[in-house]
Amino acid sequence: MSNLDCNCPIAGALAIFGDRWSLIILRDLLFHNKKHFHEFSESPEKISSNILTDRLRSLEADGLLQSNIDEKNNRRKIYQPTQKAQDLAPSLQALAVWGEKHSSLS
């Protein structure tokens, strides 16, 4: 049985964006206004380029971001959040508050 077969909305959501790297990319996209591949790769978590490429493609395929060619440099893409991703912002903010309160990193 897959996560989507169990009719659990949390499992369904995690099937779309539930890995660490996807959430970090969404964080950077929504809260840090990052738009280019190199900006995501410069995040302190140091995502590798092959994983970053894979996650950007997956997030785009799942409708959480869209990409367009950068008019200033046609060899680069600009990534933008879709409404579907913007709808995640309150949940990501709540997760950040929870992490600040309960993480051993704080």
N, C-alpha and C. Protein backbone atom coordinates (compact mmCIF):
# COMPACT_ATOMS: atom_id res chain seq x y z
N MET A 1 0.85 -1.18 0.00
CA MET A 1 0.00 0.00 0.00
C MET A 1 0.90 1.24 0.00
N SER A 2 0.68 2.16 -0.92
CA SER A 2 1.46 3.39 -0.96
C SER A 2 0.88 4.40 0.03
N ASN A 3 1.65 5.46 0.30
CA ASN A 3 1.18 6.51 1.20
C ASN A 3 -0.11 7.13 0.73
N LEU A 4 -0.29 7.22 -0.59
CA LEU A 4 -1.48 7.85 -1.12
C LEU A 4 -2.70 6.96 -1.02
N ASP A 5 -2.50 5.64 -0.86
CA ASP A 5 -3.61 4.71 -0.77
C ASP A 5 -4.26 4.67 0.60
N CYS A 6 -3.64 5.25 1.61
CA CYS A 6 -4.16 5.12 2.97
C CYS A 6 -5.15 6.22 3.33
N ASN A 7 -5.41 7.15 2.44
CA ASN A 7 -6.36 8.25 2.67
C ASN A 7 -5.96 9.16 3.82
N CYS A 8 -4.69 9.21 4.15
CA CYS A 8 -4.20 10.10 5.20
C CYS A 8 -3.63 11.35 4.53
N PRO A 9 -4.19 12.53 4.83
CA PRO A 9 -3.69 13.74 4.18
C PRO A 9 -2.24 14.07 4.52
N ILE A 10 -1.79 13.70 5.71
CA ILE A 10 -0.39 13.96 6.06
C ILE A 10 0.52 13.08 5.22
N ALA A 11 0.19 11.81 5.09
CA ALA A 11 0.99 10.92 4.26
C ALA A 11 0.99 11.38 2.80
N GLY A 12 -0.15 11.84 2.33
CA GLY A 12 -0.22 12.34 0.96
C GLY A 12 0.63 13.57 0.75
N ALA A 13 0.60 14.49 1.72
CA ALA A 13 1.43 15.69 1.62
C ALA A 13 2.91 15.33 1.67
N LEU A 14 3.28 14.43 2.56
CA LEU A 14 4.68 14.03 2.66
C LEU A 14 5.17 13.32 1.40
N ALA A 15 4.28 12.66 0.71
CA ALA A 15 4.66 12.01 -0.55
C ALA A 15 5.07 13.04 -1.59
N ILE A 16 4.55 14.26 -1.49
CA ILE A 16 4.86 15.32 -2.44
C ILE A 16 6.10 16.10 -2.02
N PHE A 17 6.17 16.57 -0.78
CA PHE A 17 7.26 17.47 -0.39
C PHE A 17 7.98 17.06 0.88
N GLY A 18 7.86 15.82 1.28
CA GLY A 18 8.29 15.42 2.60
C GLY A 18 9.76 15.18 2.85
N ASP A 19 10.60 15.24 1.87
CA ASP A 19 12.01 15.02 2.19
C ASP A 19 12.68 16.33 2.60
N ARG A 20 13.76 16.20 3.29
CA ARG A 20 14.47 17.36 3.85
C ARG A 20 14.79 18.41 2.78
N TRP A 21 15.33 17.95 1.66
CA TRP A 21 15.81 18.90 0.65
C TRP A 21 14.67 19.67 0.01
N SER A 22 13.55 19.03 -0.24
CA SER A 22 12.42 19.74 -0.83
C SER A 22 11.92 20.83 0.11
N LEU A 23 11.86 20.53 1.40
CA LEU A 23 11.41 21.53 2.37
C LEU A 23 12.40 22.69 2.46
N ILE A 24 13.68 22.41 2.37
CA ILE A 24 14.69 23.48 2.41
C ILE A 24 14.58 24.36 1.16
N ILE A 25 14.38 23.75 0.01
CA ILE A 25 14.21 24.53 -1.23
C ILE A 25 12.96 25.39 -1.12
N LEU A 26 11.86 24.82 -0.63
CA LEU A 26 10.63 25.60 -0.47
C LEU A 26 10.82 26.72 0.54
N ARG A 27 11.54 26.46 1.62
CA ARG A 27 11.86 27.51 2.59
C ARG A 27 12.60 28.67 1.91
N ASP A 28 13.64 28.31 1.15
CA ASP A 28 14.44 29.34 0.49
C ASP A 28 13.63 30.10 -0.55
N LEU A 29 12.79 29.41 -1.25
CA LEU A 29 11.95 30.01 -2.28
C LEU A 29 10.93 30.96 -1.67
N LEU A 30 10.27 30.52 -0.59
CA LEU A 30 9.18 31.29 0.00
C LEU A 30 9.64 32.37 0.97
N PHE A 31 10.69 32.10 1.75
CA PHE A 31 11.06 33.02 2.82
C PHE A 31 12.35 33.78 2.58
N HIS A 32 13.21 33.27 1.70
CA HIS A 32 14.49 33.92 1.45
C HIS A 32 14.60 34.46 0.02
N ASN A 33 13.50 34.36 -0.73
CA ASN A 33 13.39 34.95 -2.06
C ASN A 33 14.48 34.46 -3.03
N LYS A 34 14.93 33.23 -2.85
CA LYS A 34 15.90 32.67 -3.78
C LYS A 34 15.17 32.26 -5.05
N LYS A 35 15.84 32.47 -6.19
CA LYS A 35 15.19 32.21 -7.48
C LYS A 35 16.05 31.42 -8.45
N HIS A 36 17.35 31.36 -8.22
CA HIS A 36 18.26 30.73 -9.16
C HIS A 36 18.93 29.51 -8.53
N PHE A 37 19.32 28.59 -9.38
CA PHE A 37 19.97 27.36 -8.95
C PHE A 37 21.14 27.65 -8.00
N HIS A 38 22.01 28.57 -8.40
CA HIS A 38 23.20 28.84 -7.59
C HIS A 38 22.83 29.41 -6.22
N GLU A 39 21.72 30.13 -6.12
CA GLU A 39 21.29 30.65 -4.82
C GLU A 39 20.87 29.50 -3.89
N PHE A 40 20.14 28.53 -4.45
CA PHE A 40 19.75 27.37 -3.64
C PHE A 40 20.98 26.57 -3.22
N SER A 41 21.95 26.43 -4.12
CA SER A 41 23.13 25.63 -3.81
C SER A 41 24.02 26.30 -2.77
N GLU A 42 23.86 27.59 -2.55
CA GLU A 42 24.65 28.32 -1.56
C GLU A 42 24.02 28.31 -0.17
N SER A 43 22.91 27.62 0.01
CA SER A 43 22.28 27.53 1.32
C SER A 43 23.23 26.85 2.31
N PRO A 44 23.13 27.18 3.58
CA PRO A 44 24.07 26.62 4.55
C PRO A 44 24.02 25.09 4.67
N GLU A 45 22.93 24.48 4.25
CA GLU A 45 22.81 23.02 4.33
C GLU A 45 23.64 22.29 3.28
N LYS A 46 24.15 23.00 2.29
CA LYS A 46 25.07 22.46 1.27
C LYS A 46 24.48 21.29 0.49
N ILE A 47 23.34 21.51 -0.13
CA ILE A 47 22.73 20.49 -0.99
C ILE A 47 23.63 20.26 -2.21
N SER A 48 23.83 19.01 -2.56
CA SER A 48 24.66 18.72 -3.73
C SER A 48 23.90 19.07 -5.01
N SER A 49 24.63 19.37 -6.06
CA SER A 49 24.01 19.84 -7.29
C SER A 49 23.10 18.79 -7.92
N ASN A 50 23.47 17.51 -7.85
CA ASN A 50 22.61 16.48 -8.46
C ASN A 50 21.30 16.32 -7.68
N ILE A 51 21.35 16.41 -6.36
CA ILE A 51 20.12 16.33 -5.56
C ILE A 51 19.28 17.58 -5.78
N LEU A 52 19.91 18.74 -5.83
CA LEU A 52 19.19 19.98 -6.09
C LEU A 52 18.48 19.92 -7.43
N THR A 53 19.15 19.48 -8.47
CA THR A 53 18.54 19.34 -9.79
C THR A 53 17.33 18.42 -9.73
N ASP A 54 17.49 17.28 -9.06
CA ASP A 54 16.39 16.32 -8.93
C ASP A 54 15.20 16.91 -8.19
N ARG A 55 15.46 17.58 -7.06
CA ARG A 55 14.36 18.14 -6.26
C ARG A 55 13.66 19.28 -6.99
N LEU A 56 14.40 20.12 -7.69
CA LEU A 56 13.76 21.20 -8.45
C LEU A 56 12.83 20.62 -9.51
N ARG A 57 13.28 19.59 -10.20
CA ARG A 57 12.44 18.94 -11.20
C ARG A 57 11.19 18.32 -10.56
N SER A 58 11.37 17.65 -9.43
CA SER A 58 10.24 17.03 -8.74
C SER A 58 9.23 18.06 -8.26
N LEU A 59 9.74 19.14 -7.66
CA LEU A 59 8.84 20.18 -7.17
C LEU A 59 8.09 20.85 -8.32
N GLU A 60 8.74 20.98 -9.45
CA GLU A 60 8.06 21.54 -10.62
C GLU A 60 7.02 20.56 -11.14
N ALA A 61 7.37 19.29 -11.22
CA ALA A 61 6.42 18.27 -11.69
C ALA A 61 5.21 18.16 -10.78
N ASP A 62 5.41 18.39 -9.48
CA ASP A 62 4.32 18.32 -8.51
C ASP A 62 3.54 19.63 -8.41
N GLY A 63 3.92 20.63 -9.22
CA GLY A 63 3.17 21.87 -9.26
C GLY A 63 3.45 22.84 -8.12
N LEU A 64 4.60 22.67 -7.44
CA LEU A 64 4.94 23.57 -6.35
C LEU A 64 5.81 24.74 -6.78
N LEU A 65 6.47 24.59 -7.90
CA LEU A 65 7.21 25.72 -8.45
C LEU A 65 7.13 25.67 -9.96
N GLN A 66 7.43 26.81 -10.55
CA GLN A 66 7.50 26.89 -12.00
C GLN A 66 8.82 27.55 -12.35
N SER A 67 9.32 27.24 -13.52
CA SER A 67 10.58 27.82 -13.94
C SER A 67 10.41 28.48 -15.30
N ASN A 68 11.16 29.54 -15.47
CA ASN A 68 11.20 30.27 -16.73
C ASN A 68 12.64 30.63 -17.01
N ILE A 69 12.96 30.81 -18.27
CA ILE A 69 14.30 31.24 -18.65
C ILE A 69 14.49 32.68 -18.19
N ASP A 70 15.64 32.95 -17.59
CA ASP A 70 15.98 34.28 -17.12
C ASP A 70 16.25 35.17 -18.34
N GLU A 71 15.51 36.23 -18.48
CA GLU A 71 15.67 37.12 -19.64
C GLU A 71 17.04 37.80 -19.65
N LYS A 72 17.66 37.97 -18.49
CA LYS A 72 18.97 38.61 -18.41
C LYS A 72 20.10 37.65 -18.76
N ASN A 73 19.85 36.36 -18.62
CA ASN A 73 20.85 35.34 -18.93
C ASN A 73 20.10 34.08 -19.34
N ASN A 74 19.99 33.86 -20.63
CA ASN A 74 19.14 32.76 -21.12
C ASN A 74 19.70 31.37 -20.82
N ARG A 75 20.84 31.29 -20.16
CA ARG A 75 21.36 29.98 -19.73
C ARG A 75 20.89 29.63 -18.32
N ARG A 76 20.20 30.56 -17.66
CA ARG A 76 19.74 30.33 -16.29
C ARG A 76 18.21 30.30 -16.25
N LYS A 77 17.71 29.59 -15.27
CA LYS A 77 16.27 29.57 -15.02
C LYS A 77 15.97 30.39 -13.77
N ILE A 78 14.78 30.94 -13.77
CA ILE A 78 14.24 31.60 -12.58
C ILE A 78 13.14 30.69 -12.05
N TYR A 79 13.23 30.33 -10.78
CA TYR A 79 12.23 29.49 -10.14
C TYR A 79 11.31 30.37 -9.30
N GLN A 80 10.02 30.10 -9.42
CA GLN A 80 9.02 30.87 -8.68
C GLN A 80 8.02 29.91 -8.03
N PRO A 81 7.55 30.27 -6.83
CA PRO A 81 6.56 29.41 -6.19
C PRO A 81 5.20 29.54 -6.88
N THR A 82 4.50 28.46 -6.95
CA THR A 82 3.12 28.49 -7.44
C THR A 82 2.21 28.79 -6.25
N GLN A 83 0.95 28.96 -6.52
CA GLN A 83 -0.01 29.15 -5.44
C GLN A 83 -0.01 27.95 -4.51
N LYS A 84 0.15 26.78 -5.08
CA LYS A 84 0.21 25.54 -4.29
C LYS A 84 1.34 25.63 -3.27
N ALA A 85 2.50 26.15 -3.66
CA ALA A 85 3.62 26.32 -2.73
C ALA A 85 3.34 27.44 -1.74
N GLN A 86 2.77 28.52 -2.21
CA GLN A 86 2.45 29.63 -1.32
C GLN A 86 1.46 29.21 -0.23
N ASP A 87 0.59 28.28 -0.57
CA ASP A 87 -0.36 27.76 0.43
C ASP A 87 0.35 27.00 1.55
N LEU A 88 1.58 26.58 1.31
CA LEU A 88 2.37 25.88 2.34
C LEU A 88 3.04 26.83 3.33
N ALA A 89 3.13 28.10 3.00
CA ALA A 89 3.88 29.05 3.84
C ALA A 89 3.45 29.02 5.30
N PRO A 90 2.16 29.07 5.63
CA PRO A 90 1.80 29.02 7.06
C PRO A 90 2.24 27.73 7.75
N SER A 91 2.18 26.62 7.05
CA SER A 91 2.61 25.35 7.64
C SER A 91 4.12 25.34 7.85
N LEU A 92 4.87 25.87 6.91
CA LEU A 92 6.32 25.93 7.06
C LEU A 92 6.71 26.88 8.19
N GLN A 93 5.96 27.98 8.33
CA GLN A 93 6.22 28.90 9.45
C GLN A 93 5.95 28.21 10.78
N ALA A 94 4.87 27.45 10.85
CA ALA A 94 4.55 26.72 12.07
C ALA A 94 5.62 25.67 12.36
N LEU A 95 6.12 25.01 11.34
CA LEU A 95 7.18 24.03 11.51
C LEU A 95 8.45 24.70 12.03
N ALA A 96 8.74 25.89 11.52
CA ALA A 96 9.91 26.64 11.97
C ALA A 96 9.77 27.02 13.45
N VAL A 97 8.59 27.46 13.85
CA VAL A 97 8.35 27.81 15.26
C VAL A 97 8.52 26.58 16.14
N TRP A 98 7.96 25.46 15.70
CA TRP A 98 8.10 24.21 16.45
C TRP A 98 9.58 23.82 16.55
N GLY A 99 10.29 23.91 15.43
CA GLY A 99 11.71 23.57 15.42
C GLY A 99 12.53 24.46 16.32
N GLU A 100 12.21 25.73 16.34
CA GLU A 100 12.91 26.67 17.22
C GLU A 100 12.69 26.30 18.68
N LYS A 101 11.50 25.86 19.01
CA LYS A 101 11.16 25.51 20.38
C LYS A 101 11.74 24.16 20.81
N HIS A 102 11.74 23.19 19.90
CA HIS A 102 12.06 21.83 20.30
C HIS A 102 13.36 21.26 19.72
N SER A 103 13.98 21.95 18.80
CA SER A 103 15.19 21.43 18.17
C SER A 103 16.38 21.53 19.11
N SER A 104 17.24 20.54 19.04
CA SER A 104 18.46 20.58 19.83
C SER A 104 19.47 21.57 19.25
N LEU A 105 19.17 22.11 18.07
CA LEU A 105 20.07 23.07 17.43
C LEU A 105 19.89 24.47 17.99
N SER A 106 18.75 24.72 18.67
CA SER A 106 18.50 26.07 19.17
C SER A 106 19.02 26.28 20.56
